[in-house]
Amino acid sequence: MARTVADFGLTCGTLPTGTHNAITDVPGVRVGHCTLRDGDINTGVTAILPHGGNLFRKKVTAASHVINGFGKTIGLMQVQELGAIETPVLLTNTLSVGTCATALIRDAIRQNPDIAMA
């Protein structure tokens, strides 16, 4: 079994950890992942949904921290300026960032057709 930071007596923050010490211990948070392996193709995406409702209508508080300044992001400035997110968070490779952004926009419009009327 993999050891965690807590196994070494270290803590992060002041709140207690959940049963599994995982993001999915937070009520309502869902995580999904898809990996593509086909010949030379080895890629994937991880989706984090903070709650099961309409994120565009019920935004959640968010913050960011840049570790190395090299990662490609879309929406980070909005998080820094507004302190909220309005879509799921998708983690992927550099060349798939645009595809993920397009998918999030399409999904937001599907759930909220009125936002496409501007």
C-alpha atoms as a PDB file:
ATOM      1  CA  MET A   1       0.000   0.000   0.000  1.00  0.00           C
ATOM      2  CA  ALA A   2       1.257   3.496  -0.816  1.00  0.00           C
ATOM      3  CA  ARG A   3       2.289   5.631   2.113  1.00  0.00           C
ATOM      4  CA  THR A   4       0.850   9.093   2.588  1.00  0.00           C
ATOM      5  CA  VAL A   5       2.344  12.265   4.011  1.00  0.00           C
ATOM      6  CA  ALA A   6       0.327  11.639   7.188  1.00  0.00           C
ATOM      7  CA  ASP A   7       2.151   8.315   7.634  1.00  0.00           C
ATOM      8  CA  PHE A   8       5.297  10.386   8.255  1.00  0.00           C
ATOM      9  CA  GLY A   9       3.583  12.571  10.856  1.00  0.00           C
ATOM     10  CA  LEU A  10       3.085  15.535   8.535  1.00  0.00           C
ATOM     11  CA  THR A  11      -0.184  17.386   8.098  1.00  0.00           C
ATOM     12  CA  CYS A  12      -1.459  19.774   5.480  1.00  0.00           C
ATOM     13  CA  GLY A  13      -3.847  22.403   6.790  1.00  0.00           C
ATOM     14  CA  THR A  14      -5.966  22.213   9.919  1.00  0.00           C
ATOM     15  CA  LEU A  15      -8.956  20.165   8.801  1.00  0.00           C
ATOM     16  CA  PRO A  16      -9.102  16.425   9.458  1.00  0.00           C
ATOM     17  CA  THR A  17      -8.626  14.019   6.562  1.00  0.00           C
ATOM     18  CA  GLY A  18     -11.451  11.860   5.299  1.00  0.00           C
ATOM     19  CA  THR A  19     -11.746   8.094   5.449  1.00  0.00           C
ATOM     20  CA  HIS A  20      -9.573   7.563   2.370  1.00  0.00           C
ATOM     21  CA  ASN A  21      -7.535  10.787   2.591  1.00  0.00           C
ATOM     22  CA  ALA A  22      -8.721  11.526  -0.950  1.00  0.00           C
ATOM     23  CA  ILE A  23     -10.502  14.336  -2.774  1.00  0.00           C
ATOM     24  CA  THR A  24     -13.506  12.033  -3.133  1.00  0.00           C
ATOM     25  CA  ASP A  25     -13.916  12.049   0.663  1.00  0.00           C
ATOM     26  CA  VAL A  26     -15.449  15.521   0.224  1.00  0.00           C
ATOM     27  CA  PRO A  27     -19.246  15.099  -0.029  1.00  0.00           C
ATOM     28  CA  GLY A  28     -20.500  15.657  -3.577  1.00  0.00           C
ATOM     29  CA  VAL A  29     -17.079  15.732  -5.260  1.00  0.00           C
ATOM     30  CA  ARG A  30     -16.770  13.298  -8.150  1.00  0.00           C
ATOM     31  CA  VAL A  31     -13.659  12.332 -10.098  1.00  0.00           C
ATOM     32  CA  GLY A  32     -13.503  10.568 -13.450  1.00  0.00           C
ATOM     33  CA  HIS A  33     -10.631   9.519 -15.664  1.00  0.00           C
ATOM     34  CA  CYS A  34     -10.198   8.248 -19.200  1.00  0.00           C
ATOM     35  CA  THR A  35      -6.967   6.907 -20.681  1.00  0.00           C
ATOM     36  CA  LEU A  36      -6.439   6.341 -24.402  1.00  0.00           C
ATOM     37  CA  ARG A  37      -3.851   3.765 -25.455  1.00  0.00           C
ATOM     38  CA  ASP A  38      -3.745   2.930 -29.133  1.00  0.00           C
ATOM     39  CA  GLY A  39      -0.415   2.338 -30.827  1.00  0.00           C
ATOM     40  CA  ASP A  40       1.615   5.505 -30.395  1.00  0.00           C
ATOM     41  CA  ILE A  41      -1.282   7.275 -28.650  1.00  0.00           C
ATOM     42  CA  ASN A  42      -0.956   7.396 -24.875  1.00  0.00           C
ATOM     43  CA  THR A  43      -2.986  10.200 -23.350  1.00  0.00           C
ATOM     44  CA  GLY A  44      -5.843  10.868 -21.021  1.00  0.00           C
ATOM     45  CA  VAL A  45      -7.925  13.306 -19.038  1.00  0.00           C
ATOM     46  CA  THR A  46      -9.052  13.500 -15.430  1.00  0.00           C
ATOM     47  CA  ALA A  47     -12.258  15.375 -14.581  1.00  0.00           C
ATOM     48  CA  ILE A  48     -13.029  16.800 -11.144  1.00  0.00           C
ATOM     49  CA  LEU A  49     -16.629  17.838 -10.502  1.00  0.00           C
ATOM     50  CA  PRO A  50     -17.051  19.829  -7.267  1.00  0.00           C
ATOM     51  CA  HIS A  51     -20.771  19.009  -7.070  1.00  0.00           C
ATOM     52  CA  GLY A  52     -23.414  17.244  -9.123  1.00  0.00           C
ATOM     53  CA  GLY A  53     -25.376  20.361 -10.039  1.00  0.00           C
ATOM     54  CA  ASN A  54     -25.027  23.079 -12.656  1.00  0.00           C
ATOM     55  CA  LEU A  55     -21.609  24.610 -11.954  1.00  0.00           C
ATOM     56  CA  PHE A  56     -22.287  27.604 -14.189  1.00  0.00           C
ATOM     57  CA  ARG A  57     -25.308  28.531 -12.062  1.00  0.00           C
ATOM     58  CA  LYS A  58     -23.882  27.392  -8.717  1.00  0.00           C
ATOM     59  CA  LYS A  59     -20.221  28.353  -8.841  1.00  0.00           C
ATOM     60  CA  VAL A  60     -17.779  27.107  -6.215  1.00  0.00           C
ATOM     61  CA  THR A  61     -15.013  28.947  -4.408  1.00  0.00           C
ATOM     62  CA  ALA A  62     -11.587  28.293  -5.884  1.00  0.00           C
ATOM     63  CA  ALA A  63      -7.973  29.392  -5.645  1.00  0.00           C
ATOM     64  CA  SER A  64      -4.810  28.609  -7.553  1.00  0.00           C
ATOM     65  CA  HIS A  65      -1.099  28.249  -7.029  1.00  0.00           C
ATOM     66  CA  VAL A  66       1.416  28.067  -9.865  1.00  0.00           C
ATOM     67  CA  ILE A  67       4.133  25.523  -9.150  1.00  0.00           C
ATOM     68  CA  ASN A  68       6.454  25.753 -12.146  1.00  0.00           C
ATOM     69  CA  GLY A  69       4.933  28.318 -14.504  1.00  0.00           C
ATOM     70  CA  PHE A  70       5.196  25.951 -17.464  1.00  0.00           C
ATOM     71  CA  GLY A  71       1.801  24.235 -17.428  1.00  0.00           C
ATOM     72  CA  LYS A  72      -0.854  25.312 -19.902  1.00  0.00           C
ATOM     73  CA  THR A  73      -4.030  26.619 -18.296  1.00  0.00           C
ATOM     74  CA  ILE A  74      -7.327  28.040 -19.409  1.00  0.00           C
ATOM     75  CA  GLY A  75      -9.463  29.857 -16.859  1.00  0.00           C
ATOM     76  CA  LEU A  76      -6.731  30.390 -14.281  1.00  0.00           C
ATOM     77  CA  MET A  77      -7.015  34.179 -14.531  1.00  0.00           C
ATOM     78  CA  GLN A  78     -10.756  33.939 -13.821  1.00  0.00           C
ATOM     79  CA  VAL A  79     -10.053  31.899 -10.692  1.00  0.00           C
ATOM     80  CA  GLN A  80      -7.473  34.460  -9.554  1.00  0.00           C
ATOM     81  CA  GLU A  81      -9.773  37.424 -10.273  1.00  0.00           C
ATOM     82  CA  LEU A  82     -13.155  36.041  -9.153  1.00  0.00           C
ATOM     83  CA  GLY A  83     -12.184  33.278  -6.745  1.00  0.00           C
ATOM     84  CA  ALA A  84     -14.647  30.853  -8.325  1.00  0.00           C
ATOM     85  CA  ILE A  85     -14.964  28.198 -11.004  1.00  0.00           C
ATOM     86  CA  GLU A  86     -18.009  27.550 -13.150  1.00  0.00           C
ATOM     87  CA  THR A  87     -17.023  24.338 -14.937  1.00  0.00           C
ATOM     88  CA  PRO A  88     -15.495  21.022 -13.939  1.00  0.00           C
ATOM     89  CA  VAL A  89     -11.696  21.005 -13.668  1.00  0.00           C
ATOM     90  CA  LEU A  90     -10.027  18.936 -16.395  1.00  0.00           C
ATOM     91  CA  LEU A  91      -6.415  17.789 -16.135  1.00  0.00           C
ATOM     92  CA  THR A  92      -4.708  16.660 -19.331  1.00  0.00           C
ATOM     93  CA  ASN A  93      -1.591  17.013 -21.457  1.00  0.00           C
ATOM     94  CA  THR A  94      -0.520  20.262 -23.121  1.00  0.00           C
ATOM     95  CA  LEU A  95      -1.817  19.431 -26.598  1.00  0.00           C
ATOM     96  CA  SER A  96      -5.274  18.466 -25.289  1.00  0.00           C
ATOM     97  CA  VAL A  97      -5.946  21.659 -23.311  1.00  0.00           C
ATOM     98  CA  GLY A  98      -7.835  23.252 -26.234  1.00  0.00           C
ATOM     99  CA  THR A  99      -9.957  20.143 -26.769  1.00  0.00           C
ATOM    100  CA  CYS A 100     -10.850  20.091 -23.076  1.00  0.00           C
ATOM    101  CA  ALA A 101     -11.780  23.791 -23.148  1.00  0.00           C
ATOM    102  CA  THR A 102     -14.039  23.234 -26.162  1.00  0.00           C
ATOM    103  CA  ALA A 103     -15.727  20.309 -24.401  1.00  0.00           C
ATOM    104  CA  LEU A 104     -16.333  22.396 -21.263  1.00  0.00           C
ATOM    105  CA  ILE A 105     -17.796  25.275 -23.294  1.00  0.00           C
ATOM    106  CA  ARG A 106     -20.102  22.939 -25.216  1.00  0.00           C
ATOM    107  CA  ASP A 107     -21.259  21.291 -21.995  1.00  0.00           C
ATOM    108  CA  ALA A 108     -21.916  24.663 -20.323  1.00  0.00           C
ATOM    109  CA  ILE A 109     -23.984  25.791 -23.336  1.00  0.00           C
ATOM    110  CA  ARG A 110     -25.856  22.470 -23.394  1.00  0.00           C
ATOM    111  CA  GLN A 111     -26.821  22.944 -19.748  1.00  0.00           C
ATOM    112  CA  ASN A 112     -27.466  26.698 -20.103  1.00  0.00           C
ATOM    113  CA  PRO A 113     -28.596  27.505 -23.668  1.00  0.00           C
ATOM    114  CA  ASP A 114     -29.219  31.152 -22.738  1.00  0.00           C
ATOM    115  CA  ILE A 115     -25.489  31.850 -22.292  1.00  0.00           C
ATOM    116  CA  ALA A 116     -24.917  31.278 -26.018  1.00  0.00           C
ATOM    117  CA  MET A 117     -27.273  34.125 -26.957  1.00  0.00           C
ATOM    118  CA  ALA A 118     -24.795  36.952 -26.312  1.00  0.00           C
END
